[in-house]
Amino acid sequence: MNKTIHQAIFEFNNMMITVKKDLKNGAFPNSFYTDINSVLHTIRPTLSELGIVIIQTPQMNEAGSYLNTKIMLKDIPSEYVESNIKFIVDPKSPKAMWSLGASITYTRRYAITCMLSLEAVDDDFVNGTKDAQRSPKKAYNKPLTPTQQNNVLVVKMKDELDRARAMGDLELATNIYEEANDKGLVQVQDYHARLFENPVATL
């Protein structure tokens, strides 16, 4: 039986992926946000692993211009979910093209985070800031299921593999691979293979 896009997104959500709000918003003091590049950098490895592709295209009809976002299975393109979000741009503005570019960027980010139910947390969440404790804690106050515990471990080990690759630390990478082998974490082993045995560009 072929997997559906809804099942794939369910698996993605079980990975408990979060994006960090690590960029300061100049318009609002003490306010932080995450940009589209950070969102994509965070989710691409997991999307690739699950065979999920995101396609975003600006389009236009008689009602105006909008962003079409499709999230689909790469092997079954007919399995997809999509959204259309209208761009908010003043065509009479002397900065209309700049405004359109900004609108595209913002809309891309909002569409992805909404459709994948991504949570955004402050960069210092792990340090226990008040803002971080206010909302994310509600999402984690229940005991994790065995599957969720497993997913948390997978994400942590993948982060460690990324760090090992960045530092060129093959010994650390090997230790992580062996631990993954002992625990039967095939996802981590596959990720190790992509990073160190057959590195290729993803998404």
C-alpha atoms as a PDB file:
ATOM      1  CA  MET A   1       0.000   0.000   0.000  1.00  0.00           C
ATOM      2  CA  ASN A   2       1.423   3.364  -1.032  1.00  0.00           C
ATOM      3  CA  LYS A   3       1.960   6.033   1.594  1.00  0.00           C
ATOM      4  CA  THR A   4      -0.225   9.135   1.348  1.00  0.00           C
ATOM      5  CA  ILE A   5       0.965  12.723   1.753  1.00  0.00           C
ATOM      6  CA  HIS A   6      -1.089  12.952   4.938  1.00  0.00           C
ATOM      7  CA  GLN A   7       0.749   9.967   6.406  1.00  0.00           C
ATOM      8  CA  ALA A   8       4.091  11.520   5.405  1.00  0.00           C
ATOM      9  CA  ILE A   9       3.209  14.829   7.064  1.00  0.00           C
ATOM     10  CA  PHE A  10       2.063  12.918  10.149  1.00  0.00           C
ATOM     11  CA  GLU A  11       5.495  11.253  10.297  1.00  0.00           C
ATOM     12  CA  PHE A  12       7.138  14.648   9.849  1.00  0.00           C
ATOM     13  CA  ASN A  13       5.137  16.103  12.743  1.00  0.00           C
ATOM     14  CA  ASN A  14       6.148  13.188  14.959  1.00  0.00           C
ATOM     15  CA  MET A  15       9.765  14.217  14.413  1.00  0.00           C
ATOM     16  CA  MET A  16       8.971  17.283  16.568  1.00  0.00           C
ATOM     17  CA  ILE A  17      10.891  19.660  14.319  1.00  0.00           C
ATOM     18  CA  THR A  18      11.132  23.241  15.584  1.00  0.00           C
ATOM     19  CA  VAL A  19      12.596  26.321  13.933  1.00  0.00           C
ATOM     20  CA  LYS A  20      14.538  28.910  15.883  1.00  0.00           C
ATOM     21  CA  LYS A  21      13.576  32.563  16.004  1.00  0.00           C
ATOM     22  CA  ASP A  22      17.177  33.764  15.863  1.00  0.00           C
ATOM     23  CA  LEU A  23      16.910  37.003  13.864  1.00  0.00           C
ATOM     24  CA  LYS A  24      16.099  40.296  15.568  1.00  0.00           C
ATOM     25  CA  ASN A  25      13.096  42.212  14.275  1.00  0.00           C
ATOM     26  CA  GLY A  26      14.211  45.814  13.837  1.00  0.00           C
ATOM     27  CA  ALA A  27      10.631  47.085  13.867  1.00  0.00           C
ATOM     28  CA  PHE A  28       9.786  45.662  17.296  1.00  0.00           C
ATOM     29  CA  PRO A  29      12.177  45.757  20.282  1.00  0.00           C
ATOM     30  CA  ASN A  30      12.892  42.380  21.907  1.00  0.00           C
ATOM     31  CA  SER A  31      11.134  40.606  19.058  1.00  0.00           C
ATOM     32  CA  PHE A  32      12.752  37.811  17.073  1.00  0.00           C
ATOM     33  CA  TYR A  33      11.780  35.848  13.971  1.00  0.00           C
ATOM     34  CA  THR A  34      13.053  33.145  11.635  1.00  0.00           C
ATOM     35  CA  ASP A  35      13.519  33.719   7.911  1.00  0.00           C
ATOM     36  CA  ILE A  36      12.680  31.412   5.013  1.00  0.00           C
ATOM     37  CA  ASN A  37      16.298  30.271   4.676  1.00  0.00           C
ATOM     38  CA  SER A  38      16.416  29.107   8.304  1.00  0.00           C
ATOM     39  CA  VAL A  39      13.117  27.282   7.913  1.00  0.00           C
ATOM     40  CA  LEU A  40      14.300  25.429   4.806  1.00  0.00           C
ATOM     41  CA  HIS A  41      17.696  24.617   6.318  1.00  0.00           C
ATOM     42  CA  THR A  42      15.956  23.108   9.347  1.00  0.00           C
ATOM     43  CA  ILE A  43      13.373  20.972   7.555  1.00  0.00           C
ATOM     44  CA  ARG A  44      15.152  19.874   4.365  1.00  0.00           C
ATOM     45  CA  PRO A  45      16.978  16.808   5.766  1.00  0.00           C
ATOM     46  CA  THR A  46      13.784  15.386   7.257  1.00  0.00           C
ATOM     47  CA  LEU A  47      11.702  16.188   4.174  1.00  0.00           C
ATOM     48  CA  SER A  48      14.282  14.449   2.011  1.00  0.00           C
ATOM     49  CA  GLU A  49      14.280  11.431   4.285  1.00  0.00           C
ATOM     50  CA  LEU A  50      10.492  11.144   4.085  1.00  0.00           C
ATOM     51  CA  GLY A  51      10.377  11.747   0.334  1.00  0.00           C
ATOM     52  CA  ILE A  52       8.509  15.035   0.623  1.00  0.00           C
ATOM     53  CA  VAL A  53       8.947  17.870  -1.876  1.00  0.00           C
ATOM     54  CA  ILE A  54       7.816  21.489  -1.548  1.00  0.00           C
ATOM     55  CA  ILE A  55       7.079  23.524  -4.677  1.00  0.00           C
ATOM     56  CA  GLN A  56       6.180  27.207  -4.380  1.00  0.00           C
ATOM     57  CA  THR A  57       5.279  29.335  -7.392  1.00  0.00           C
ATOM     58  CA  PRO A  58       3.955  32.902  -7.671  1.00  0.00           C
ATOM     59  CA  GLN A  59       0.866  32.903  -9.880  1.00  0.00           C
ATOM     60  CA  MET A  60      -1.747  35.334 -11.120  1.00  0.00           C
ATOM     61  CA  ASN A  61      -5.396  35.262 -12.085  1.00  0.00           C
ATOM     62  CA  GLU A  62      -8.203  37.762 -12.513  1.00  0.00           C
ATOM     63  CA  ALA A  63      -8.360  38.234  -8.724  1.00  0.00           C
ATOM     64  CA  GLY A  64      -4.700  39.192  -8.453  1.00  0.00           C
ATOM     65  CA  SER A  65      -1.325  37.622  -7.670  1.00  0.00           C
ATOM     66  CA  TYR A  66      -0.823  34.874  -5.123  1.00  0.00           C
ATOM     67  CA  LEU A  67       1.591  32.179  -3.957  1.00  0.00           C
ATOM     68  CA  ASN A  68       0.733  28.572  -4.693  1.00  0.00           C
ATOM     69  CA  THR A  69       2.400  26.087  -2.343  1.00  0.00           C
ATOM     70  CA  LYS A  70       2.294  22.357  -2.989  1.00  0.00           C
ATOM     71  CA  ILE A  71       3.669  19.755  -0.588  1.00  0.00           C
ATOM     72  CA  MET A  72       3.855  16.391  -2.336  1.00  0.00           C
ATOM     73  CA  LEU A  73       5.457  12.976  -2.330  1.00  0.00           C
ATOM     74  CA  LYS A  74       8.372  12.932  -4.763  1.00  0.00           C
ATOM     75  CA  ASP A  75       7.551   9.403  -5.956  1.00  0.00           C
ATOM     76  CA  ILE A  76       3.780   9.977  -6.139  1.00  0.00           C
ATOM     77  CA  PRO A  77       3.185  13.561  -7.388  1.00  0.00           C
ATOM     78  CA  SER A  78      -0.560  12.990  -7.333  1.00  0.00           C
ATOM     79  CA  GLU A  79      -0.320  12.829  -3.534  1.00  0.00           C
ATOM     80  CA  TYR A  80      -0.195  16.453  -2.414  1.00  0.00           C
ATOM     81  CA  VAL A  81      -1.756  19.205  -0.344  1.00  0.00           C
ATOM     82  CA  GLU A  82      -1.742  22.814  -1.476  1.00  0.00           C
ATOM     83  CA  SER A  83      -2.582  26.337  -0.420  1.00  0.00           C
ATOM     84  CA  ASN A  84      -2.987  29.680  -2.144  1.00  0.00           C
ATOM     85  CA  ILE A  85      -2.165  32.915  -0.325  1.00  0.00           C
ATOM     86  CA  LYS A  86      -2.785  36.283  -1.929  1.00  0.00           C
ATOM     87  CA  PHE A  87       0.094  38.781  -1.999  1.00  0.00           C
ATOM     88  CA  ILE A  88      -0.572  42.094  -0.274  1.00  0.00           C
ATOM     89  CA  VAL A  89       1.064  44.696  -2.525  1.00  0.00           C
ATOM     90  CA  ASP A  90       0.166  48.260  -3.479  1.00  0.00           C
ATOM     91  CA  PRO A  91       0.701  48.389  -7.278  1.00  0.00           C
ATOM     92  CA  LYS A  92       0.775  52.199  -7.190  1.00  0.00           C
ATOM     93  CA  SER A  93       3.666  52.326  -4.761  1.00  0.00           C
ATOM     94  CA  PRO A  94       7.042  53.476  -6.192  1.00  0.00           C
ATOM     95  CA  LYS A  95       8.515  50.487  -4.350  1.00  0.00           C
ATOM     96  CA  ALA A  96       5.989  48.013  -5.738  1.00  0.00           C
ATOM     97  CA  MET A  97       8.582  45.476  -6.929  1.00  0.00           C
ATOM     98  CA  TRP A  98      10.455  45.611  -3.623  1.00  0.00           C
ATOM     99  CA  SER A  99       7.151  45.167  -1.823  1.00  0.00           C
ATOM    100  CA  LEU A 100       6.278  42.202  -4.039  1.00  0.00           C
ATOM    101  CA  GLY A 101       9.626  40.553  -3.320  1.00  0.00           C
ATOM    102  CA  ALA A 102       9.154  41.010   0.421  1.00  0.00           C
ATOM    103  CA  SER A 103       5.606  39.684   0.193  1.00  0.00           C
ATOM    104  CA  ILE A 104       6.775  36.574  -1.667  1.00  0.00           C
ATOM    105  CA  THR A 105       9.445  35.896   0.952  1.00  0.00           C
ATOM    106  CA  TYR A 106       7.085  36.328   3.892  1.00  0.00           C
ATOM    107  CA  THR A 107       4.300  34.346   2.244  1.00  0.00           C
ATOM    108  CA  ARG A 108       6.619  31.437   1.461  1.00  0.00           C
ATOM    109  CA  ARG A 109       7.605  31.195   5.119  1.00  0.00           C
ATOM    110  CA  TYR A 110       4.065  31.518   6.443  1.00  0.00           C
ATOM    111  CA  ALA A 111       2.727  28.904   4.009  1.00  0.00           C
ATOM    112  CA  ILE A 112       5.367  26.307   4.930  1.00  0.00           C
ATOM    113  CA  THR A 113       5.164  26.809   8.686  1.00  0.00           C
ATOM    114  CA  CYS A 114       1.372  26.654   8.576  1.00  0.00           C
ATOM    115  CA  MET A 115       1.053  23.627   6.295  1.00  0.00           C
ATOM    116  CA  LEU A 116       3.650  21.617   8.227  1.00  0.00           C
ATOM    117  CA  SER A 117       2.437  22.833  11.651  1.00  0.00           C
ATOM    118  CA  LEU A 118       5.941  24.002  12.535  1.00  0.00           C
ATOM    119  CA  GLU A 119       6.612  25.499  15.949  1.00  0.00           C
ATOM    120  CA  ALA A 120       8.938  28.486  16.233  1.00  0.00           C
ATOM    121  CA  VAL A 121      10.851  28.929  19.491  1.00  0.00           C
ATOM    122  CA  ASP A 122      13.295  31.559  20.708  1.00  0.00           C
ATOM    123  CA  ASP A 123      16.942  30.787  20.040  1.00  0.00           C
ATOM    124  CA  ASP A 124      17.579  30.675  23.783  1.00  0.00           C
ATOM    125  CA  PHE A 125      14.691  28.272  24.429  1.00  0.00           C
ATOM    126  CA  VAL A 126      17.057  25.689  25.870  1.00  0.00           C
ATOM    127  CA  ASN A 127      18.305  28.247  28.378  1.00  0.00           C
ATOM    128  CA  GLY A 128      14.832  28.603  29.851  1.00  0.00           C
ATOM    129  CA  THR A 129      13.848  32.160  28.936  1.00  0.00           C
ATOM    130  CA  LYS A 130      10.427  33.401  29.994  1.00  0.00           C
ATOM    131  CA  ASP A 131       9.127  33.598  26.437  1.00  0.00           C
ATOM    132  CA  ALA A 132      10.305  30.079  25.705  1.00  0.00           C
ATOM    133  CA  GLN A 133       8.747  28.723  28.856  1.00  0.00           C
ATOM    134  CA  ARG A 134       5.386  30.377  28.193  1.00  0.00           C
ATOM    135  CA  SER A 135       4.276  28.514  25.087  1.00  0.00           C
ATOM    136  CA  PRO A 136       6.539  25.596  24.132  1.00  0.00           C
ATOM    137  CA  LYS A 137       6.225  24.102  27.612  1.00  0.00           C
ATOM    138  CA  LYS A 138       2.535  23.495  27.014  1.00  0.00           C
ATOM    139  CA  ALA A 139       3.414  21.309  24.055  1.00  0.00           C
ATOM    140  CA  TYR A 140       5.801  19.150  26.078  1.00  0.00           C
ATOM    141  CA  ASN A 141       4.119  18.850  29.480  1.00  0.00           C
ATOM    142  CA  LYS A 142       2.812  15.370  28.661  1.00  0.00           C
ATOM    143  CA  PRO A 143       5.064  12.310  28.873  1.00  0.00           C
ATOM    144  CA  LEU A 144       6.499  11.447  25.481  1.00  0.00           C
ATOM    145  CA  THR A 145       5.360   8.265  23.837  1.00  0.00           C
ATOM    146  CA  PRO A 146       8.043   5.682  22.942  1.00  0.00           C
ATOM    147  CA  THR A 147       7.781   6.790  19.296  1.00  0.00           C
ATOM    148  CA  GLN A 148       8.276  10.444  20.245  1.00  0.00           C
ATOM    149  CA  GLN A 149      11.219   9.542  22.483  1.00  0.00           C
ATOM    150  CA  ASN A 150      12.744   7.663  19.581  1.00  0.00           C
ATOM    151  CA  ASN A 151      12.196  10.638  17.248  1.00  0.00           C
ATOM    152  CA  VAL A 152      13.782  13.046  19.724  1.00  0.00           C
ATOM    153  CA  LEU A 153      16.846  10.780  19.886  1.00  0.00           C
ATOM    154  CA  VAL A 154      17.006  10.565  16.080  1.00  0.00           C
ATOM    155  CA  VAL A 155      16.908  14.364  15.732  1.00  0.00           C
ATOM    156  CA  LYS A 156      19.586  14.772  18.420  1.00  0.00           C
ATOM    157  CA  MET A 157      21.903  12.245  16.794  1.00  0.00           C
ATOM    158  CA  LYS A 158      21.423  13.848  13.380  1.00  0.00           C
ATOM    159  CA  ASP A 159      22.405  17.197  14.875  1.00  0.00           C
ATOM    160  CA  GLU A 160      25.519  15.554  16.304  1.00  0.00           C
ATOM    161  CA  LEU A 161      26.350  14.121  12.874  1.00  0.00           C
ATOM    162  CA  ASP A 162      25.990  17.592  11.357  1.00  0.00           C
ATOM    163  CA  ARG A 163      28.378  18.908  14.001  1.00  0.00           C
ATOM    164  CA  ALA A 164      30.843  16.064  13.375  1.00  0.00           C
ATOM    165  CA  ARG A 165      30.842  16.784   9.654  1.00  0.00           C
ATOM    166  CA  ALA A 166      31.343  20.512  10.207  1.00  0.00           C
ATOM    167  CA  MET A 167      34.336  19.795  12.469  1.00  0.00           C
ATOM    168  CA  GLY A 168      35.681  16.983  10.284  1.00  0.00           C
ATOM    169  CA  ASP A 169      35.484  14.677  13.310  1.00  0.00           C
ATOM    170  CA  LEU A 170      35.213  11.216  11.778  1.00  0.00           C
ATOM    171  CA  GLU A 171      35.725   9.501  15.123  1.00  0.00           C
ATOM    172  CA  LEU A 172      32.656  11.207  16.586  1.00  0.00           C
ATOM    173  CA  ALA A 173      30.666  10.352  13.458  1.00  0.00           C
ATOM    174  CA  THR A 174      31.706   6.697  13.737  1.00  0.00           C
ATOM    175  CA  ASN A 175      30.734   6.556  17.401  1.00  0.00           C
ATOM    176  CA  ILE A 176      27.307   7.990  16.585  1.00  0.00           C
ATOM    177  CA  TYR A 177      26.872   5.481  13.754  1.00  0.00           C
ATOM    178  CA  GLU A 178      27.759   2.587  16.045  1.00  0.00           C
ATOM    179  CA  GLU A 179      25.344   3.819  18.704  1.00  0.00           C
ATOM    180  CA  ALA A 180      22.619   4.110  16.059  1.00  0.00           C
ATOM    181  CA  ASN A 181      23.410   0.572  14.921  1.00  0.00           C
ATOM    182  CA  ASP A 182      23.109  -0.732  18.489  1.00  0.00           C
ATOM    183  CA  LYS A 183      19.760   1.023  18.942  1.00  0.00           C
ATOM    184  CA  GLY A 184      18.453   0.036  15.509  1.00  0.00           C
ATOM    185  CA  LEU A 185      18.079   3.660  14.380  1.00  0.00           C
ATOM    186  CA  VAL A 186      18.149   3.149  10.622  1.00  0.00           C
ATOM    187  CA  GLN A 187      17.292   6.802   9.961  1.00  0.00           C
ATOM    188  CA  VAL A 188      20.501   7.906  11.674  1.00  0.00           C
ATOM    189  CA  GLN A 189      22.552   5.297   9.820  1.00  0.00           C
ATOM    190  CA  ASP A 190      21.130   6.448   6.492  1.00  0.00           C
ATOM    191  CA  TYR A 191      21.831  10.066   7.403  1.00  0.00           C
ATOM    192  CA  HIS A 192      25.436   9.142   8.262  1.00  0.00           C
ATOM    193  CA  ALA A 193      25.773   7.483   4.851  1.00  0.00           C
ATOM    194  CA  ARG A 194      24.509  10.607   3.058  1.00  0.00           C
ATOM    195  CA  LEU A 195      26.869  12.878   4.978  1.00  0.00           C
ATOM    196  CA  PHE A 196      30.041  10.812   5.016  1.00  0.00           C
ATOM    197  CA  GLU A 197      29.826   7.996   2.482  1.00  0.00           C
ATOM    198  CA  ASN A 198      27.909   9.561  -0.389  1.00  0.00           C
ATOM    199  CA  PRO A 199      27.436  13.285   0.308  1.00  0.00           C
ATOM    200  CA  VAL A 200      24.977  14.841  -2.117  1.00  0.00           C
ATOM    201  CA  ALA A 201      23.019  18.081  -2.188  1.00  0.00           C
ATOM    202  CA  THR A 202      19.520  17.727  -0.776  1.00  0.00           C
ATOM    203  CA  LEU A 203      16.482  19.749  -1.701  1.00  0.00           C
END
